[in-house]
Amino acid sequence: MPRLRWMFFAAIVTLGIFMAATVCYFEIRRLDRLTLAVDEGAARLAELQQRVRNYREKVAFYETEEGMAHLAREQYNLVFPGERIFVINRESPASSWR
């Protein structure tokens, strides 16, 4: 029959192994959560960088004469002197059946 001190030593070693396994398990879960958060942040950063690039392209375009003319025509319905505007009115398909 094993002595009491060997049983106590075995119990302490087993307890230490279970504690180390539990700590490793929780650290691995934490690492997975942090990795997921970093991936989401990187995706968001890439999206925001793309948006900034698009805005910079628009600013560069609207700083040119063509860009200003385009903006004036699209947003403010302005025209250059001597240009003619043709307005095309379309009837809705529902009203054409009556």
N, C-alpha and C. Protein backbone atom coordinates (compact mmCIF):
# COMPACT_ATOMS: atom_id res chain seq x y z
N MET A 1 0.84 -1.17 0.00
CA MET A 1 0.00 0.00 0.00
C MET A 1 0.89 1.24 0.00
N PRO A 2 0.57 2.23 -0.91
CA PRO A 2 1.42 3.41 -1.00
C PRO A 2 1.30 4.25 0.28
N ARG A 3 2.36 4.90 0.54
CA ARG A 3 2.37 5.75 1.72
C ARG A 3 1.55 7.02 1.47
N LEU A 4 1.16 7.64 2.52
CA LEU A 4 0.30 8.82 2.44
C LEU A 4 1.00 9.98 1.74
N ARG A 5 2.29 10.16 1.95
CA ARG A 5 2.98 11.28 1.32
C ARG A 5 3.06 11.09 -0.20
N TRP A 6 3.16 9.84 -0.70
CA TRP A 6 3.18 9.62 -2.14
C TRP A 6 1.81 9.89 -2.75
N MET A 7 0.78 9.55 -2.03
CA MET A 7 -0.58 9.84 -2.52
C MET A 7 -0.81 11.36 -2.54
N PHE A 8 -0.33 12.04 -1.51
CA PHE A 8 -0.44 13.49 -1.47
C PHE A 8 0.35 14.12 -2.61
N PHE A 9 1.56 13.62 -2.87
CA PHE A 9 2.39 14.13 -3.97
C PHE A 9 1.70 13.90 -5.32
N ALA A 10 1.13 12.72 -5.52
CA ALA A 10 0.42 12.41 -6.77
C ALA A 10 -0.79 13.32 -6.94
N ALA A 11 -1.49 13.60 -5.86
CA ALA A 11 -2.65 14.49 -5.92
C ALA A 11 -2.24 15.92 -6.29
N ILE A 12 -1.14 16.39 -5.71
CA ILE A 12 -0.64 17.73 -6.02
C ILE A 12 -0.19 17.82 -7.47
N VAL A 13 0.52 16.80 -7.96
CA VAL A 13 0.98 16.80 -9.36
C VAL A 13 -0.22 16.77 -10.30
N THR A 14 -1.21 15.93 -10.01
CA THR A 14 -2.41 15.86 -10.85
C THR A 14 -3.16 17.19 -10.84
N LEU A 15 -3.27 17.80 -9.69
CA LEU A 15 -3.92 19.11 -9.59
C LEU A 15 -3.16 20.15 -10.40
N GLY A 16 -1.83 20.14 -10.34
CA GLY A 16 -1.01 21.07 -11.13
C GLY A 16 -1.19 20.86 -12.62
N ILE A 17 -1.27 19.61 -13.06
CA ILE A 17 -1.47 19.31 -14.49
C ILE A 17 -2.84 19.84 -14.94
N PHE A 18 -3.88 19.60 -14.14
CA PHE A 18 -5.20 20.09 -14.51
C PHE A 18 -5.26 21.61 -14.51
N MET A 19 -4.58 22.25 -13.57
CA MET A 19 -4.56 23.71 -13.55
C MET A 19 -3.84 24.27 -14.78
N ALA A 20 -2.71 23.65 -15.14
CA ALA A 20 -1.97 24.11 -16.33
C ALA A 20 -2.80 23.90 -17.59
N ALA A 21 -3.50 22.76 -17.69
CA ALA A 21 -4.34 22.50 -18.86
C ALA A 21 -5.48 23.51 -18.95
N THR A 22 -6.07 23.86 -17.81
CA THR A 22 -7.16 24.83 -17.80
C THR A 22 -6.67 26.21 -18.23
N VAL A 23 -5.52 26.62 -17.72
CA VAL A 23 -4.95 27.91 -18.09
C VAL A 23 -4.64 27.93 -19.59
N CYS A 24 -4.06 26.85 -20.11
CA CYS A 24 -3.76 26.79 -21.55
C CYS A 24 -5.03 26.87 -22.38
N TYR A 25 -6.08 26.16 -21.94
CA TYR A 25 -7.34 26.18 -22.66
C TYR A 25 -7.91 27.60 -22.74
N PHE A 26 -7.95 28.30 -21.60
CA PHE A 26 -8.49 29.66 -21.59
C PHE A 26 -7.61 30.63 -22.36
N GLU A 27 -6.32 30.46 -22.33
CA GLU A 27 -5.42 31.32 -23.10
C GLU A 27 -5.59 31.10 -24.60
N ILE A 28 -5.80 29.86 -25.01
CA ILE A 28 -6.02 29.58 -26.44
C ILE A 28 -7.33 30.21 -26.89
N ARG A 29 -8.38 30.11 -26.06
CA ARG A 29 -9.65 30.76 -26.41
C ARG A 29 -9.49 32.26 -26.49
N ARG A 30 -8.74 32.84 -25.57
CA ARG A 30 -8.51 34.28 -25.59
C ARG A 30 -7.73 34.68 -26.84
N LEU A 31 -6.74 33.88 -27.19
CA LEU A 31 -5.95 34.15 -28.40
C LEU A 31 -6.82 34.08 -29.65
N ASP A 32 -7.75 33.12 -29.70
CA ASP A 32 -8.67 33.04 -30.83
C ASP A 32 -9.56 34.27 -30.93
N ARG A 33 -10.07 34.72 -29.77
CA ARG A 33 -10.90 35.94 -29.78
C ARG A 33 -10.11 37.16 -30.23
N LEU A 34 -8.88 37.27 -29.76
CA LEU A 34 -8.06 38.42 -30.15
C LEU A 34 -7.70 38.35 -31.64
N THR A 35 -7.43 37.16 -32.14
CA THR A 35 -7.14 37.00 -33.57
C THR A 35 -8.34 37.41 -34.41
N LEU A 36 -9.53 37.00 -33.97
CA LEU A 36 -10.75 37.38 -34.68
C LEU A 36 -10.95 38.90 -34.65
N ALA A 37 -10.69 39.52 -33.51
CA ALA A 37 -10.83 40.97 -33.40
C ALA A 37 -9.84 41.69 -34.31
N VAL A 38 -8.61 41.18 -34.38
CA VAL A 38 -7.60 41.79 -35.26
C VAL A 38 -8.01 41.64 -36.72
N ASP A 39 -8.54 40.48 -37.10
CA ASP A 39 -8.98 40.27 -38.47
C ASP A 39 -10.13 41.20 -38.83
N GLU A 40 -11.08 41.37 -37.91
CA GLU A 40 -12.19 42.29 -38.16
C GLU A 40 -11.68 43.73 -38.27
N GLY A 41 -10.74 44.09 -37.42
CA GLY A 41 -10.17 45.44 -37.48
C GLY A 41 -9.42 45.67 -38.79
N ALA A 42 -8.69 44.66 -39.24
CA ALA A 42 -7.96 44.79 -40.50
C ALA A 42 -8.92 44.92 -41.68
N ALA A 43 -10.02 44.18 -41.64
CA ALA A 43 -11.01 44.29 -42.71
C ALA A 43 -11.65 45.67 -42.70
N ARG A 44 -11.97 46.16 -41.53
CA ARG A 44 -12.56 47.51 -41.41
C ARG A 44 -11.58 48.58 -41.88
N LEU A 45 -10.30 48.40 -41.52
CA LEU A 45 -9.28 49.35 -41.95
C LEU A 45 -9.13 49.36 -43.47
N ALA A 46 -9.15 48.18 -44.08
CA ALA A 46 -9.05 48.11 -45.54
C ALA A 46 -10.25 48.79 -46.20
N GLU A 47 -11.44 48.59 -45.61
CA GLU A 47 -12.64 49.23 -46.15
C GLU A 47 -12.54 50.75 -46.05
N LEU A 48 -12.07 51.24 -44.92
CA LEU A 48 -11.94 52.68 -44.74
C LEU A 48 -10.86 53.26 -45.64
N GLN A 49 -9.77 52.52 -45.85
CA GLN A 49 -8.73 53.00 -46.77
C GLN A 49 -9.26 53.08 -48.19
N GLN A 50 -10.09 52.12 -48.59
CA GLN A 50 -10.69 52.16 -49.92
C GLN A 50 -11.62 53.36 -50.04
N ARG A 51 -12.37 53.63 -49.00
CA ARG A 51 -13.27 54.78 -49.02
C ARG A 51 -12.49 56.09 -49.12
N VAL A 52 -11.37 56.18 -48.39
CA VAL A 52 -10.53 57.39 -48.45
C VAL A 52 -9.96 57.55 -49.85
N ARG A 53 -9.51 56.43 -50.46
CA ARG A 53 -9.00 56.50 -51.84
C ARG A 53 -10.08 57.02 -52.80
N ASN A 54 -11.30 56.52 -52.64
CA ASN A 54 -12.40 56.98 -53.50
C ASN A 54 -12.66 58.47 -53.31
N TYR A 55 -12.67 58.91 -52.07
CA TYR A 55 -12.90 60.34 -51.80
C TYR A 55 -11.77 61.19 -52.38
N ARG A 56 -10.54 60.73 -52.26
CA ARG A 56 -9.42 61.48 -52.82
C ARG A 56 -9.52 61.57 -54.35
N GLU A 57 -9.95 60.47 -54.98
CA GLU A 57 -10.14 60.49 -56.43
C GLU A 57 -11.23 61.48 -56.82
N LYS A 58 -12.31 61.50 -56.04
CA LYS A 58 -13.40 62.45 -56.33
C LYS A 58 -12.93 63.88 -56.14
N VAL A 59 -12.18 64.15 -55.08
CA VAL A 59 -11.67 65.49 -54.85
C VAL A 59 -10.75 65.90 -55.98
N ALA A 60 -9.86 64.99 -56.40
CA ALA A 60 -8.95 65.30 -57.51
C ALA A 60 -9.74 65.57 -58.79
N PHE A 61 -10.82 64.81 -59.02
CA PHE A 61 -11.62 65.02 -60.22
C PHE A 61 -12.36 66.36 -60.17
N TYR A 62 -12.97 66.66 -59.01
CA TYR A 62 -13.75 67.89 -58.92
C TYR A 62 -12.89 69.14 -58.83
N GLU A 63 -11.59 69.00 -58.65
CA GLU A 63 -10.70 70.16 -58.70
C GLU A 63 -10.39 70.57 -60.14
N THR A 64 -10.64 69.70 -61.10
CA THR A 64 -10.38 70.03 -62.51
C THR A 64 -11.57 70.78 -63.09
N GLU A 65 -11.36 71.36 -64.27
CA GLU A 65 -12.44 72.07 -64.96
C GLU A 65 -13.56 71.11 -65.34
N GLU A 66 -13.19 69.93 -65.82
CA GLU A 66 -14.22 68.95 -66.19
C GLU A 66 -15.04 68.54 -64.98
N GLY A 67 -14.38 68.38 -63.85
CA GLY A 67 -15.08 68.00 -62.63
C GLY A 67 -16.05 69.06 -62.18
N MET A 68 -15.63 70.32 -62.24
CA MET A 68 -16.52 71.41 -61.85
C MET A 68 -17.71 71.49 -62.80
N ALA A 69 -17.47 71.31 -64.08
CA ALA A 69 -18.57 71.34 -65.05
C ALA A 69 -19.53 70.17 -64.80
N HIS A 70 -18.99 69.02 -64.51
CA HIS A 70 -19.82 67.85 -64.23
C HIS A 70 -20.67 68.09 -62.98
N LEU A 71 -20.05 68.60 -61.94
CA LEU A 71 -20.77 68.89 -60.70
C LEU A 71 -21.85 69.93 -60.93
N ALA A 72 -21.55 70.97 -61.69
CA ALA A 72 -22.53 72.02 -61.95
C ALA A 72 -23.72 71.48 -62.73
N ARG A 73 -23.46 70.59 -63.67
CA ARG A 73 -24.55 70.03 -64.47
C ARG A 73 -25.38 69.03 -63.67
N GLU A 74 -24.72 68.17 -62.93
CA GLU A 74 -25.43 67.11 -62.20
C GLU A 74 -26.18 67.66 -60.99
N GLN A 75 -25.52 68.46 -60.18
CA GLN A 75 -26.10 68.87 -58.90
C GLN A 75 -26.94 70.15 -59.01
N TYR A 76 -26.51 71.07 -59.85
CA TYR A 76 -27.14 72.39 -59.85
C TYR A 76 -27.86 72.73 -61.15
N ASN A 77 -27.89 71.79 -62.09
CA ASN A 77 -28.59 71.97 -63.37
C ASN A 77 -28.14 73.24 -64.11
N LEU A 78 -26.86 73.51 -64.09
CA LEU A 78 -26.31 74.66 -64.80
C LEU A 78 -25.78 74.21 -66.16
N VAL A 79 -25.68 75.17 -67.10
CA VAL A 79 -25.17 74.87 -68.43
C VAL A 79 -24.20 75.98 -68.84
N PHE A 80 -23.38 75.67 -69.83
CA PHE A 80 -22.50 76.68 -70.40
C PHE A 80 -23.32 77.59 -71.32
N PRO A 81 -22.87 78.79 -71.55
CA PRO A 81 -23.59 79.68 -72.46
C PRO A 81 -23.67 79.07 -73.86
N GLY A 82 -24.84 79.15 -74.46
CA GLY A 82 -25.03 78.63 -75.81
C GLY A 82 -25.47 77.17 -75.85
N GLU A 83 -25.46 76.47 -74.72
CA GLU A 83 -25.91 75.08 -74.73
C GLU A 83 -27.43 75.03 -74.64
N ARG A 84 -27.98 73.97 -75.19
CA ARG A 84 -29.43 73.79 -75.13
C ARG A 84 -29.72 72.54 -74.32
N ILE A 85 -30.79 72.60 -73.57
CA ILE A 85 -31.19 71.46 -72.75
C ILE A 85 -32.49 70.90 -73.30
N PHE A 86 -32.52 69.59 -73.44
CA PHE A 86 -33.72 68.92 -73.88
C PHE A 86 -34.24 68.09 -72.72
N VAL A 87 -35.50 68.30 -72.36
CA VAL A 87 -36.13 67.57 -71.28
C VAL A 87 -37.03 66.51 -71.89
N ILE A 88 -36.81 65.27 -71.52
CA ILE A 88 -37.61 64.17 -72.05
C ILE A 88 -38.52 63.68 -70.94
N ASN A 89 -39.80 63.78 -71.18
CA ASN A 89 -40.79 63.29 -70.22
C ASN A 89 -41.25 61.92 -70.66
N ARG A 90 -41.21 60.98 -69.75
CA ARG A 90 -41.67 59.62 -70.07
C ARG A 90 -42.91 59.33 -69.24
N GLU A 91 -43.86 58.70 -69.89
CA GLU A 91 -45.05 58.29 -69.16
C GLU A 91 -44.75 56.95 -68.49
N SER A 92 -45.36 56.76 -67.34
CA SER A 92 -45.16 55.48 -66.66
C SER A 92 -45.89 54.38 -67.43
N PRO A 93 -45.43 53.15 -67.38
CA PRO A 93 -46.07 52.05 -68.12
C PRO A 93 -47.51 51.81 -67.69
N ALA A 94 -47.86 52.08 -66.45
CA ALA A 94 -49.23 51.87 -65.97
C ALA A 94 -50.21 52.84 -66.64
N SER A 95 -49.77 54.07 -66.89
CA SER A 95 -50.69 55.05 -67.49
C SER A 95 -50.85 54.84 -68.98
N SER A 96 -49.96 54.12 -69.64
CA SER A 96 -50.07 53.92 -71.08
C SER A 96 -51.12 52.86 -71.42
N TRP A 97 -51.55 52.06 -70.48
CA TRP A 97 -52.57 51.03 -70.74
C TRP A 97 -53.98 51.57 -70.66
N ARG A 98 -54.15 52.74 -70.16
CA ARG A 98 -55.50 53.28 -69.98
C ARG A 98 -56.04 53.89 -71.21
